[in-house]
Each structure stands twice: as C-alpha cells, then as structure tokens.
Amino acid sequence: MFPFLSKGHTIPLLHLAAALSSRNILTTLITTPANLPFCRDYLSSKAPAVTVDLFAIPFPCHPDLPAGVESTDSLPTFSLLPTFIKATNSLHDPFLRILRRLLLSPTPPLCLISDYFLGWTLRISSRFGLPRLVFHGSSTFSISLIKSLWPNIPTVSTDDDTFPIVGAPPTLRLTMTDVPEFVRQVVNPLDPLTQSMKSNEEMDVGSWGVIVNSFAELEPSAYVKLLESFYEPVAGGRAWLVGPLNLLTGTKPVDSDCIRWLDRQPVGSVVYVAFGTQADVSDEQLDELAHGKAECALPCVQQNPEQSLRTKTAPRHRPGRSPDRPRTIRPNSIVLDGSQNYFPADIFYSANRPGRSPRSAWTMLTENHLEQIWANSGADSQLIVPGRSQIVLDDPGADSDITARTLAVVDKNSGGVR
C-alpha cells in the first residue's frame, strides 16, 4: 500500500492494512521518514495487535516547500498543495527500488493499492504486471460526478443555471457553484492544481479497480455503476466498497480525562465537533463555535488537528455570553459512545462519521459541495452551512446566530432540542 502523504488519506489505508493483517494477509505500507512515527503509533493502537511492514522512502527536497514538510497537514498554506503533489512525483525512483525488492522476496505482492494522487505508481506496477487498485477518499457519488464532468464541462449563462450530468440519473441537476474549483478550471492550462489532478485522472482510469471507504447501504447504486463504468475498458470495472474502514479492527482502550468526562455525561447529551485533519479553522471561527456552544447549552467535545490545539487562542468574551471554549481533544483519541448526541463537522467527515447521530456540516474544501448534495439526499436530517471556509464575517458577531443554530439544531426524529 502507498497512501498519499496526507492524514485524511493515510488513516483509512492504515485501517485497511490493519484489517488485512488481522486476517493473516501479509501487508506492506510505504511512507516517508517524517510520517513513519505516526503510522507506527496508529497501528500500535489497534486491538488485537497487528503486524504491518512499514517502509520509509526519502521525501525529496523542493525549493518551494519548507524543510521537513512531508504531509499536507504540515503545509503553512493550502496554496502549496499543487507544489506538494508535484514533489511527490520525485518518490518515483525510491518506490521503484522498494517494489523491485518486494517482488523478489519469498512473498511477492499480489497487488498495489495506491492513492489517487500517486497516479504515477500505475506505470511502475504495470511494468511488472502487478494490478494496481486506486484508493479514493471520497464517496462514489462525488468521484463518479467528477469523472463525468472532466470531459463534459457545460457552458452555462450564470453559475445558478442548472444542468444534467452525463451518465447520472436525470433527476440530478447541478449548478456551477456545486462543481469543485479544480474541475471548473480544467480548461485553464495555467492552473497548477487542475493540471496535476488531470494527470492523475488519466492514470486513475487505467487502474484495475477502485477502493472506496464507504458501504453499499450508503451509496446510491446508480453512482456506483457510473463509477465502475470508467474502469471497464481496463479490467471490466469494479468498485470495492470496503468501509467504514475504521470499524474493521478494534482499538485498545483509551484512558484519558476526556473519556472519563464523557462517561459521566447522560446518554445523548454531548455535542461532538470535528473538522478532520486538513481543515484550517481560524481563531475567529473557533471563537464563534465556542459561543455557539454556550448558546445551545449542551456539553461539547471539539476535535481539532493537532497544530490547531497549539495555536488557537481563547475566545473573546461578549456581554451576556459565556467565553468557555468546548473541551478539545486530539484526532482519533476517543471512541464515541452513547453520550454523543449531535455532530457538527466538515462535510466529508460528517458524511462518513461513526454512529447515527444527527449532524450539521460545513463545506470547506475541494469536493465538499458535491458531498453536501450527497449528504442532503440521505434519510436523516442535517443542517448544511454553505460558503466553503467563510462562516465568520467581518463583523465578529454577524454570524453568531448561524453558529448557534449549527450547534443547536438537532434531528427532530431523534428527540433532540432546537
């Protein structure tokens, strides 16, 4: 396995590697030196213990990247993502050497599972006759629509005009504001992210199949079939829905102040706020969440990327409003239980969340607007906060009511409160 060097892409494949290992399948995962401790610690948290061979290959020096940055969550700005993706192309030769070594071992690999952003691995695996399966971090709904849109960007008069998607059910109609920016820019040869994605897209459809961190009951069958149609020319088309990957293996018990605090809370009483590993939530936005938490009058646990825990400041006090911040935890450090009642999150984290708690979602990155449409098509209620990363306006108090509603609206069928 070779995950993209991003926590949101690496963690699911760590789950998959652990699950395969627990079923007595020899598994090797390739990463870089700076990511090796994270992978090792993550795998060591599994119960029962699993054995996954870890190989580290050197990450290349790049003049436009800060020294020591080997994962997207360490980038100082998201604008460096295209540069980072391009830098991973230089992993080609070290990966080739590792693969040769594995193929000559007594237990050669049966296949390669590599991330969508590492499209160049297809050329290497094909060279040795090794089937390559591509891993996508999104839903079949979003992946299939993006693939359909690449060669079929519509011409519309305004961004609010609706249009159908080639191959999708006729009931689905999108607007240009729903289409990810990197897809809209496909005709722009100067856009670095789009051109990088376009190259990976061409390699992607040459893969033997696709692995998706989802499950059949969640994914509309029409979009699974649409996704598989893009892989048919190579291997007959196959999408393996193997998720939720985080449920395939157990986790060692965690003893922490947060767990003990959760154990003391009544069932269905705690708001759990999570933003995954990549979302950059500003101090002002966390401030709004803190005051929204106070207004909704529910206990709150907030999960932030680790760098956010170190840098975010205390919320500003406002007359008549509690300045208390939700209690914070590190990602993946707790297992949710019956005390969890409501789940505000970034949109994809929300759509693939554990449990069945009602949730709201906040569209922030890449295909989030498509995930929003997918989430809204579900049977349970949720509140979607639009606007990508902008929920706090110039006036510090302007969006406080939105934030309070985001935290306080609870599915009417779950017996929650408004």
Protein backbone atom coordinates (compact mmCIF):
# COMPACT_ATOMS: atom_id res chain seq x y z
CA MET A 1 0.00 0.00 0.00
CA PHE A 2 1.15 3.50 -0.76
CA PRO A 3 -1.10 6.25 0.70
CA PHE A 4 -0.89 9.89 -0.26
CA LEU A 5 1.06 11.87 2.33
CA SER A 6 -1.98 13.39 3.98
CA LYS A 7 -3.52 12.20 7.25
CA GLY A 8 -7.02 12.02 5.76
CA HIS A 9 -5.72 9.71 3.01
CA THR A 10 -3.26 7.75 5.15
CA ILE A 11 -5.53 6.88 8.08
CA PRO A 12 -8.09 4.87 6.04
CA LEU A 13 -5.32 2.79 4.45
CA LEU A 14 -3.81 2.21 7.90
CA HIS A 15 -7.21 0.84 8.92
CA LEU A 16 -7.26 -1.35 5.81
CA ALA A 17 -3.71 -2.56 6.38
CA ALA A 18 -4.55 -3.47 9.98
CA ALA A 19 -7.71 -5.29 8.87
CA LEU A 20 -5.82 -7.34 6.26
CA SER A 21 -3.07 -8.15 8.74
CA SER A 22 -5.63 -9.33 11.30
CA ARG A 23 -6.84 -11.77 8.63
CA ASN A 24 -3.31 -13.19 8.18
CA ILE A 25 -2.62 -11.35 4.94
CA LEU A 26 0.94 -10.01 4.71
CA THR A 27 0.72 -6.27 4.24
CA THR A 28 3.35 -3.65 3.49
CA LEU A 29 2.77 0.09 3.75
CA ILE A 30 5.12 2.66 2.23
CA THR A 31 5.52 6.18 3.56
CA THR A 32 8.28 8.72 4.28
CA PRO A 33 10.54 9.15 7.35
CA ALA A 34 8.58 12.03 8.90
CA ASN A 35 5.31 10.08 8.59
CA LEU A 36 6.72 6.82 9.89
CA PRO A 37 6.20 7.54 13.64
CA PHE A 38 2.55 8.49 13.03
CA CYS A 39 1.92 5.28 11.08
CA ARG A 40 3.70 3.15 13.68
CA ASP A 41 1.81 4.73 16.59
CA TYR A 42 -1.51 4.45 14.79
CA LEU A 43 -1.04 0.76 14.07
CA SER A 44 0.10 0.08 17.63
CA SER A 45 -3.25 1.39 18.90
CA LYS A 46 -5.10 -1.49 17.23
CA ALA A 47 -6.50 -4.40 19.19
CA PRO A 48 -5.67 -7.17 18.76
CA ALA A 49 -2.10 -6.31 17.81
CA VAL A 50 -1.37 -6.29 14.08
CA THR A 51 1.83 -6.67 12.10
CA VAL A 52 2.24 -4.41 9.09
CA ASP A 53 5.63 -3.97 7.45
CA LEU A 54 6.48 -0.27 7.17
CA PHE A 55 8.98 1.04 4.63
CA ALA A 56 10.15 4.66 4.59
CA ILE A 57 11.46 6.24 1.39
CA PRO A 58 13.11 9.68 1.44
CA PHE A 59 10.95 12.67 0.66
CA PRO A 60 12.61 14.93 -1.93
CA CYS A 61 13.82 18.42 -1.15
CA HIS A 62 11.83 21.04 -3.02
CA PRO A 63 12.82 24.71 -3.21
CA ASP A 64 9.22 25.92 -2.78
CA LEU A 65 8.38 23.75 0.23
CA PRO A 66 9.50 24.36 3.82
CA ALA A 67 12.16 21.95 5.03
CA GLY A 68 10.76 18.95 6.84
CA VAL A 69 7.24 19.16 5.39
CA GLU A 70 6.24 15.65 4.35
CA SER A 71 2.48 15.76 4.86
CA THR A 72 -0.22 18.14 3.64
CA ASP A 73 -1.37 18.94 7.18
CA SER A 74 2.09 20.48 7.77
CA LEU A 75 1.82 22.88 4.84
CA PRO A 76 1.76 26.51 6.01
CA THR A 77 -0.86 27.32 3.37
CA PHE A 78 -3.22 25.25 1.26
CA SER A 79 -1.99 27.12 -1.83
CA LEU A 80 1.16 24.95 -1.65
CA LEU A 81 -0.84 21.77 -2.27
CA PRO A 82 -0.12 21.68 -6.05
CA THR A 83 3.59 22.09 -5.29
CA PHE A 84 3.43 19.31 -2.71
CA ILE A 85 1.64 16.96 -5.12
CA LYS A 86 4.26 17.69 -7.77
CA ALA A 87 7.04 16.99 -5.25
CA THR A 88 5.63 13.51 -4.57
CA ASN A 89 6.39 12.63 -8.21
CA SER A 90 10.05 12.53 -7.15
CA LEU A 91 9.26 9.49 -4.99
CA HIS A 92 9.17 7.50 -8.25
CA ASP A 93 12.70 6.04 -8.13
CA PRO A 94 12.76 5.12 -4.40
CA PHE A 95 9.35 3.48 -4.80
CA LEU A 96 10.59 1.55 -7.83
CA ARG A 97 13.51 0.18 -5.82
CA ILE A 98 11.23 -0.87 -2.94
CA LEU A 99 8.80 -2.59 -5.29
CA ARG A 100 11.60 -4.50 -7.02
CA ARG A 101 12.83 -5.69 -3.65
CA LEU A 102 9.35 -6.85 -2.64
CA LEU A 103 8.77 -8.65 -5.94
CA LEU A 104 12.00 -10.64 -5.42
CA SER A 105 11.06 -11.62 -1.86
CA PRO A 106 9.67 -15.08 -0.93
CA THR A 107 6.22 -13.48 -0.57
CA PRO A 108 5.84 -11.08 -3.53
CA PRO A 109 2.86 -8.71 -3.51
CA LEU A 110 -0.39 -9.71 -5.17
CA CYS A 111 -1.40 -6.15 -5.96
CA LEU A 112 -0.63 -2.49 -5.30
CA ILE A 113 -3.11 -0.22 -3.56
CA SER A 114 -2.05 3.39 -4.04
CA ASP A 115 -3.71 6.73 -3.67
CA TYR A 116 -5.37 8.66 -6.48
CA PHE A 117 -2.80 11.45 -6.08
CA LEU A 118 0.00 8.97 -6.75
CA GLY A 119 -1.12 8.20 -10.29
CA TRP A 120 2.45 7.65 -11.49
CA THR A 121 2.56 4.40 -9.49
CA LEU A 122 0.38 2.84 -12.20
CA ARG A 123 3.21 2.98 -14.74
CA ILE A 124 5.54 1.19 -12.34
CA SER A 125 3.05 -1.51 -11.33
CA SER A 126 2.09 -2.11 -14.98
CA ARG A 127 5.75 -2.53 -15.83
CA PHE A 128 5.87 -5.58 -13.53
CA GLY A 129 2.40 -6.89 -14.36
CA LEU A 130 1.16 -6.01 -10.88
CA PRO A 131 -2.53 -4.99 -10.65
CA ARG A 132 -2.99 -1.51 -9.25
CA LEU A 133 -6.09 -0.58 -7.28
CA VAL A 134 -6.62 3.11 -6.68
CA PHE A 135 -7.83 4.42 -3.34
CA HIS A 136 -10.21 7.38 -3.24
CA GLY A 137 -11.02 9.31 -0.08
CA SER A 138 -14.43 10.47 -1.33
CA SER A 139 -17.82 8.89 -1.93
CA THR A 140 -18.75 7.12 -5.15
CA PHE A 141 -21.23 9.94 -5.70
CA SER A 142 -18.54 12.64 -5.81
CA ILE A 143 -15.92 10.56 -7.61
CA SER A 144 -18.30 9.50 -10.38
CA LEU A 145 -19.60 13.04 -10.92
CA ILE A 146 -16.09 14.49 -11.09
CA LYS A 147 -15.05 11.85 -13.61
CA SER A 148 -18.12 12.59 -15.70
CA LEU A 149 -17.53 16.33 -15.55
CA TRP A 150 -13.85 16.27 -16.60
CA PRO A 151 -14.54 15.93 -20.34
CA ASN A 152 -18.01 17.46 -20.21
CA ILE A 153 -17.81 20.86 -18.51
CA PRO A 154 -21.09 22.53 -19.51
CA THR A 155 -21.48 26.02 -20.87
CA VAL A 156 -24.00 27.99 -18.81
CA SER A 157 -25.12 31.61 -18.74
CA THR A 158 -24.80 32.02 -14.97
CA ASP A 159 -23.42 29.99 -12.07
CA ASP A 160 -27.00 29.47 -10.89
CA ASP A 161 -28.18 27.72 -14.07
CA THR A 162 -28.75 24.00 -13.56
CA PHE A 163 -27.52 21.26 -15.88
CA PRO A 164 -27.59 17.43 -16.01
CA ILE A 165 -24.55 15.17 -15.60
CA VAL A 166 -23.64 12.71 -18.34
CA GLY A 167 -24.35 9.17 -17.12
CA ALA A 168 -26.06 10.27 -13.89
CA PRO A 169 -29.77 9.86 -13.16
CA PRO A 170 -31.78 12.61 -14.90
CA THR A 171 -33.21 13.78 -11.58
CA LEU A 172 -29.80 15.14 -10.59
CA ARG A 173 -29.04 18.65 -11.70
CA LEU A 174 -26.10 20.76 -10.55
CA THR A 175 -25.05 24.38 -10.79
CA MET A 176 -21.52 25.58 -11.46
CA THR A 177 -21.22 26.60 -7.81
CA ASP A 178 -21.59 22.89 -6.94
CA VAL A 179 -18.64 21.94 -9.15
CA PRO A 180 -15.22 21.87 -7.43
CA GLU A 181 -12.93 24.70 -8.47
CA PHE A 182 -10.22 22.37 -9.78
CA VAL A 183 -12.80 20.80 -12.14
CA ARG A 184 -14.09 24.16 -13.33
CA GLN A 185 -10.51 25.14 -14.11
CA VAL A 186 -9.90 22.07 -16.28
CA VAL A 187 -9.78 24.25 -19.39
CA ASN A 188 -7.15 26.51 -17.81
CA PRO A 189 -3.68 25.16 -18.68
CA LEU A 190 -2.10 27.54 -16.16
CA ASP A 191 -3.94 26.25 -13.09
CA PRO A 192 -1.38 24.01 -11.30
CA LEU A 193 -3.81 22.00 -9.14
CA THR A 194 -6.13 21.29 -12.04
CA GLN A 195 -3.34 20.12 -14.30
CA SER A 196 -1.98 17.87 -11.55
CA MET A 197 -5.43 16.40 -10.98
CA LYS A 198 -5.91 15.95 -14.73
CA SER A 199 -2.72 13.89 -14.96
CA ASN A 200 -3.77 11.72 -12.03
CA GLU A 201 -7.22 11.33 -13.57
CA GLU A 202 -5.73 9.91 -16.77
CA MET A 203 -3.71 7.39 -14.76
CA ASP A 204 -6.58 6.60 -12.43
CA VAL A 205 -8.93 5.16 -15.06
CA GLY A 206 -6.16 2.83 -16.21
CA SER A 207 -6.22 1.08 -12.83
CA TRP A 208 -7.60 -2.40 -12.26
CA GLY A 209 -10.29 -1.09 -9.93
CA VAL A 210 -11.10 1.38 -7.19
CA ILE A 211 -11.33 1.02 -3.40
CA VAL A 212 -13.81 3.30 -1.64
CA ASN A 213 -14.09 3.90 2.10
CA SER A 214 -17.86 3.51 2.14
CA PHE A 215 -20.54 0.81 2.06
CA ALA A 216 -23.36 -0.21 -0.25
CA GLU A 217 -26.19 0.87 2.05
CA LEU A 218 -24.86 4.42 2.00
CA GLU A 219 -24.02 4.76 -1.69
CA PRO A 220 -26.73 5.11 -4.40
CA SER A 221 -26.30 2.13 -6.73
CA ALA A 222 -26.61 4.34 -9.82
CA TYR A 223 -23.43 6.20 -8.89
CA VAL A 224 -21.55 3.01 -8.04
CA LYS A 225 -22.36 1.75 -11.55
CA LEU A 226 -21.39 5.11 -13.05
CA LEU A 227 -18.06 4.99 -11.24
CA GLU A 228 -17.37 1.44 -12.36
CA SER A 229 -18.07 2.39 -15.97
CA PHE A 230 -14.90 4.49 -16.07
CA TYR A 231 -12.75 1.43 -15.23
CA GLU A 232 -14.46 -1.02 -17.61
CA PRO A 233 -12.01 -0.60 -20.53
CA VAL A 234 -9.14 -2.00 -18.40
CA ALA A 235 -10.49 -4.68 -16.11
CA GLY A 236 -14.21 -4.83 -16.58
CA GLY A 237 -14.86 -2.14 -14.00
CA ARG A 238 -15.04 -2.82 -10.31
CA ALA A 239 -15.53 -0.62 -7.25
CA TRP A 240 -14.90 -2.27 -3.90
CA LEU A 241 -16.87 -0.56 -1.13
CA VAL A 242 -14.86 -1.78 1.85
CA GLY A 243 -15.82 0.74 4.51
CA PRO A 244 -16.28 2.02 7.04
CA LEU A 245 -12.61 1.09 7.33
CA ASN A 246 -12.34 2.38 10.89
CA LEU A 247 -14.75 -0.34 12.02
CA LEU A 248 -12.81 -3.27 10.54
CA THR A 249 -10.47 -3.53 13.52
CA GLY A 250 -10.72 -2.80 17.19
CA THR A 251 -8.85 -0.16 19.17
CA LYS A 252 -7.10 -0.51 22.50
CA PRO A 253 -8.99 1.13 25.39
CA VAL A 254 -8.11 4.77 25.91
CA ASP A 255 -7.82 6.16 29.43
CA SER A 256 -7.99 9.94 29.47
CA ASP A 257 -9.68 12.83 31.27
CA CYS A 258 -11.93 13.29 28.24
CA ILE A 259 -13.11 9.67 28.27
CA ARG A 260 -13.80 9.81 31.99
CA TRP A 261 -15.70 13.08 31.47
CA LEU A 262 -17.78 11.50 28.70
CA ASP A 263 -18.60 8.55 30.93
CA ARG A 264 -20.19 10.95 33.41
CA GLN A 265 -22.50 12.57 30.84
CA PRO A 266 -26.12 11.48 30.28
CA VAL A 267 -26.88 9.47 27.16
CA GLY A 268 -27.44 11.67 24.10
CA SER A 269 -26.30 14.88 25.78
CA VAL A 270 -22.92 15.78 24.21
CA VAL A 271 -22.21 17.78 21.05
CA TYR A 272 -19.17 16.42 19.20
CA VAL A 273 -17.42 18.90 16.88
CA ALA A 274 -14.83 17.55 14.44
CA PHE A 275 -13.01 19.00 11.43
CA GLY A 276 -10.88 16.08 10.30
CA THR A 277 -7.17 16.67 9.70
CA GLN A 278 -6.95 19.20 6.87
CA ALA A 279 -9.48 21.95 7.54
CA ASP A 280 -7.91 25.26 8.60
CA VAL A 281 -10.30 26.74 11.13
CA SER A 282 -9.36 30.27 12.17
CA ASP A 283 -9.35 31.68 15.70
CA GLU A 284 -12.43 33.74 14.83
CA GLN A 285 -14.30 30.68 13.62
CA LEU A 286 -13.38 28.67 16.71
CA ASP A 287 -14.49 31.68 18.74
CA GLU A 288 -17.91 31.54 17.08
CA LEU A 289 -18.17 27.82 17.78
CA ALA A 290 -17.31 28.40 21.43
CA HIS A 291 -20.05 30.99 21.83
CA GLY A 292 -22.46 28.88 19.80
CA LYS A 293 -21.78 26.06 22.22
CA ALA A 294 -22.66 28.37 25.11
CA GLU A 295 -25.92 29.41 23.45
CA CYS A 296 -27.04 25.86 22.73
CA ALA A 297 -26.39 24.95 26.39
CA LEU A 298 -25.12 21.44 25.66
CA PRO A 299 -21.83 19.81 26.76
CA CYS A 300 -19.36 19.89 23.89
CA VAL A 301 -16.25 17.98 22.80
CA GLN A 302 -14.24 19.54 19.98
CA GLN A 303 -11.65 17.65 17.92
CA ASN A 304 -9.06 19.76 16.12
CA PRO A 305 -5.97 19.00 14.07
CA GLU A 306 -3.00 18.84 16.45
CA GLN A 307 -1.44 22.05 15.18
CA SER A 308 -4.69 23.88 15.93
CA LEU A 309 -4.52 22.78 19.56
CA ARG A 310 -1.19 24.53 19.87
CA THR A 311 -2.03 27.78 18.13
CA LYS A 312 -5.66 28.73 18.75
CA THR A 313 -6.33 31.45 21.29
CA ALA A 314 -9.06 31.74 23.88
CA PRO A 315 -12.41 33.06 22.60
CA ARG A 316 -13.28 36.70 23.09
CA HIS A 317 -15.76 37.47 25.84
CA ARG A 318 -19.06 39.03 24.88
CA PRO A 319 -21.55 40.60 27.29
CA GLY A 320 -24.07 38.05 28.49
CA ARG A 321 -22.30 35.15 26.79
CA SER A 322 -20.03 32.53 28.26
CA PRO A 323 -16.46 32.68 26.93
CA ASP A 324 -15.91 28.98 27.62
CA ARG A 325 -14.36 27.03 24.77
CA PRO A 326 -15.53 23.46 24.06
CA ARG A 327 -13.15 20.94 25.60
CA THR A 328 -10.65 19.87 22.95
CA ILE A 329 -9.12 16.52 22.11
CA ARG A 330 -6.61 15.24 19.59
CA PRO A 331 -7.87 13.49 16.46
CA ASN A 332 -8.83 9.83 16.85
CA SER A 333 -8.17 9.88 20.59
CA ILE A 334 -11.66 8.85 21.68
CA VAL A 335 -14.27 6.30 20.71
CA LEU A 336 -17.73 7.83 20.51
CA ASP A 337 -20.39 6.24 22.65
CA GLY A 338 -23.98 6.77 23.74
CA SER A 339 -23.29 10.18 25.26
CA GLN A 340 -22.82 11.67 21.77
CA ASN A 341 -25.98 13.41 20.59
CA TYR A 342 -25.07 15.74 17.73
CA PHE A 343 -22.23 16.05 15.27
CA PRO A 344 -21.21 19.35 13.58
CA ALA A 345 -18.27 18.73 11.23
CA ASP A 346 -16.66 19.46 7.94
CA ILE A 347 -18.86 17.99 5.23
CA PHE A 348 -16.99 14.79 4.32
CA TYR A 349 -16.06 13.97 7.91
CA SER A 350 -19.74 14.40 8.68
CA ALA A 351 -20.98 12.26 5.79
CA ASN A 352 -18.70 9.38 6.85
CA ARG A 353 -19.00 9.86 10.59
CA PRO A 354 -19.31 6.95 13.01
CA GLY A 355 -22.68 6.25 14.55
CA ARG A 356 -26.09 7.54 13.57
CA SER A 357 -26.23 10.88 15.37
CA PRO A 358 -27.82 13.81 13.55
CA ARG A 359 -25.23 16.22 12.21
CA SER A 360 -24.64 19.51 10.53
CA ALA A 361 -21.87 20.02 8.02
CA TRP A 362 -19.71 22.89 6.87
CA THR A 363 -18.50 22.90 3.26
CA MET A 364 -14.79 23.77 3.27
CA LEU A 365 -12.59 22.06 0.68
CA THR A 366 -12.41 20.56 -2.83
CA GLU A 367 -15.45 18.35 -3.50
CA ASN A 368 -17.31 19.40 -0.32
CA HIS A 369 -20.18 20.95 -2.27
CA LEU A 370 -20.80 17.63 -4.01
CA GLU A 371 -20.63 15.83 -0.67
CA GLN A 372 -23.19 18.35 0.57
CA ILE A 373 -25.63 17.30 -2.15
CA TRP A 374 -24.93 13.64 -1.38
CA ALA A 375 -25.46 14.17 2.37
CA ASN A 376 -28.71 16.05 1.77
CA SER A 377 -30.05 13.11 -0.23
CA GLY A 378 -29.95 10.89 2.86
CA ALA A 379 -32.89 9.94 5.01
CA ASP A 380 -31.80 11.67 8.20
CA SER A 381 -31.94 15.39 8.83
CA GLN A 382 -28.95 17.66 8.91
CA LEU A 383 -28.03 21.29 8.56
CA ILE A 384 -25.52 22.26 5.88
CA VAL A 385 -23.65 25.53 6.35
CA PRO A 386 -22.64 26.74 2.86
CA GLY A 387 -19.86 29.06 1.87
CA ARG A 388 -16.71 26.92 1.95
CA SER A 389 -14.42 28.30 4.65
CA GLN A 390 -16.27 31.54 5.37
CA ILE A 391 -18.66 31.34 8.27
CA VAL A 392 -17.38 34.32 10.25
CA LEU A 393 -17.83 37.67 8.54
CA ASP A 394 -16.05 41.00 9.09
CA ASP A 395 -18.37 41.83 11.98
CA PRO A 396 -17.28 39.46 14.77
CA GLY A 397 -20.87 38.96 15.85
CA ALA A 398 -22.50 38.86 12.44
CA ASP A 399 -22.73 35.09 12.11
CA SER A 400 -23.12 34.14 15.74
CA ASP A 401 -26.74 33.14 15.21
CA ILE A 402 -25.73 30.83 12.34
CA THR A 403 -23.12 29.19 14.53
CA ALA A 404 -25.54 28.85 17.43
CA ARG A 405 -28.10 27.25 15.13
CA THR A 406 -25.42 24.96 13.71
CA LEU A 407 -24.69 23.64 17.17
CA ALA A 408 -28.24 23.67 18.48
CA VAL A 409 -30.35 22.22 15.65
CA VAL A 410 -30.93 18.55 16.35
CA ASP A 411 -32.83 15.99 14.27
CA LYS A 412 -36.49 16.16 15.24
CA ASN A 413 -36.77 12.39 14.95
CA SER A 414 -34.00 11.81 17.48
CA GLY A 415 -35.76 13.60 20.32
CA GLY A 416 -33.23 16.40 20.38
CA VAL A 417 -33.78 20.09 21.03
CA ARG A 418 -33.67 23.25 18.97
